[in-house]
């Protein structure tokens, strides 16, 4: 299952923690809309084909396999706008939920 699918399936768990999910893709808007419709994504899937936002946070992969694709990164941002958790790669949904639980303490 894709990371988007895992997040979709756990969306109620995120809402129960008063958290919102935003996904950013290098795909164009039409591709994002198609993926959104196919996968039934209940959270915003934003298109950033120019990599303006992505370059500010994660950058892109260097030459080679997957070159010029975004470095997959997950952030947890608190209500004050501070990044309190960042993980390059694909953390499990449980790991992200655990980070959110730390904010509740």
Protein backbone atom coordinates (compact mmCIF):
# COMPACT_ATOMS: atom_id res chain seq x y z
CA UNK A 1 0.00 0.00 0.00
CA UNK A 2 1.22 3.49 -0.77
CA UNK A 3 2.00 6.01 1.94
CA UNK A 4 -0.97 8.07 0.77
CA UNK A 5 -3.16 4.99 1.15
CA UNK A 6 -1.87 4.36 4.65
CA UNK A 7 -2.54 7.97 5.63
CA UNK A 8 -5.99 7.80 4.05
CA UNK A 9 -6.84 4.67 6.03
CA UNK A 10 -5.64 6.27 9.28
CA UNK A 11 -7.19 9.69 8.60
CA UNK A 12 -9.73 9.32 11.43
CA UNK A 13 -6.82 8.71 13.85
CA UNK A 14 -5.24 11.99 12.73
CA UNK A 15 -8.54 13.86 13.07
CA UNK A 16 -9.00 12.43 16.57
CA UNK A 17 -5.71 14.13 17.46
CA UNK A 18 -6.87 17.42 15.91
CA UNK A 19 -4.22 17.03 13.21
CA UNK A 20 -4.39 17.82 9.51
CA UNK A 21 -2.50 16.10 6.70
CA UNK A 22 -1.15 17.93 3.65
CA UNK A 23 0.59 16.03 0.88
CA UNK A 24 2.78 17.77 -1.71
CA UNK A 25 3.68 16.12 -5.01
CA UNK A 26 5.93 17.04 -7.93
CA UNK A 27 3.14 15.83 -10.22
CA UNK A 28 1.05 18.35 -12.14
CA UNK A 29 -2.40 19.34 -10.88
CA UNK A 30 -4.25 17.01 -13.28
CA UNK A 31 -2.23 14.00 -12.10
CA UNK A 32 -2.82 14.94 -8.44
CA UNK A 33 -6.56 15.29 -9.07
CA UNK A 34 -6.64 11.90 -10.81
CA UNK A 35 -4.72 10.24 -7.98
CA UNK A 36 -6.98 11.93 -5.45
CA UNK A 37 -10.07 10.57 -7.20
CA UNK A 38 -8.64 7.06 -7.66
CA UNK A 39 -7.37 6.72 -4.09
CA UNK A 40 -10.16 8.64 -2.32
CA UNK A 41 -7.71 10.88 -0.49
CA UNK A 42 -9.63 12.87 2.18
CA UNK A 43 -6.87 15.47 2.69
CA UNK A 44 -5.32 18.05 0.35
CA UNK A 45 -2.89 16.70 -2.26
CA UNK A 46 -1.04 19.74 -3.52
CA UNK A 47 0.77 19.99 -6.84
CA UNK A 48 4.28 21.49 -6.90
CA UNK A 49 5.74 20.59 -10.33
CA UNK A 50 8.12 23.56 -10.15
CA UNK A 51 9.38 22.20 -6.81
CA UNK A 52 9.14 25.64 -5.19
CA UNK A 53 7.86 24.35 -1.85
CA UNK A 54 9.73 21.06 -2.04
CA UNK A 55 13.09 22.79 -2.52
CA UNK A 56 12.45 24.91 0.58
CA UNK A 57 12.00 21.84 2.77
CA UNK A 58 13.41 18.63 1.32
CA UNK A 59 14.95 19.18 -2.08
CA UNK A 60 15.14 16.61 -4.84
CA UNK A 61 17.15 13.47 -5.37
CA UNK A 62 20.44 13.80 -7.24
CA UNK A 63 21.20 12.13 -10.58
CA UNK A 64 20.50 8.43 -10.79
CA UNK A 65 17.45 6.33 -10.11
CA UNK A 66 14.54 8.58 -9.22
CA UNK A 67 16.55 11.67 -10.08
CA UNK A 68 14.73 14.96 -9.76
CA UNK A 69 11.96 13.40 -7.65
CA UNK A 70 11.23 14.86 -4.25
CA UNK A 71 13.00 13.42 -1.24
CA UNK A 72 10.05 11.87 0.58
CA UNK A 73 9.88 13.59 3.95
CA UNK A 74 7.27 13.68 6.69
CA UNK A 75 6.90 16.65 9.01
CA UNK A 76 4.82 17.22 12.13
CA UNK A 77 4.18 20.91 12.64
CA UNK A 78 2.74 22.15 15.93
CA UNK A 79 -0.02 24.74 16.26
CA UNK A 80 2.61 27.49 16.45
CA UNK A 81 3.99 26.54 13.04
CA UNK A 82 7.18 24.93 14.40
CA UNK A 83 8.46 21.72 12.85
CA UNK A 84 8.67 19.37 15.82
CA UNK A 85 9.39 16.16 13.88
CA UNK A 86 10.95 15.44 10.51
CA UNK A 87 11.71 12.10 8.94
CA UNK A 88 13.24 11.60 5.52
CA UNK A 89 11.86 8.43 4.05
CA UNK A 90 8.54 6.81 4.88
CA UNK A 91 7.87 6.49 8.60
CA UNK A 92 5.02 4.23 9.57
CA UNK A 93 1.68 5.78 10.34
CA UNK A 94 2.12 4.58 13.93
CA UNK A 95 5.40 6.51 14.22
CA UNK A 96 3.75 9.72 13.04
CA UNK A 97 0.78 9.23 15.35
CA UNK A 98 3.19 8.66 18.25
CA UNK A 99 4.85 12.01 17.48
CA UNK A 100 1.43 13.67 17.50
CA UNK A 101 0.68 12.04 20.84
CA UNK A 102 3.80 13.69 22.27
CA UNK A 103 2.25 17.08 21.48
CA UNK A 104 -0.81 16.16 23.57
CA UNK A 105 1.30 15.61 26.72
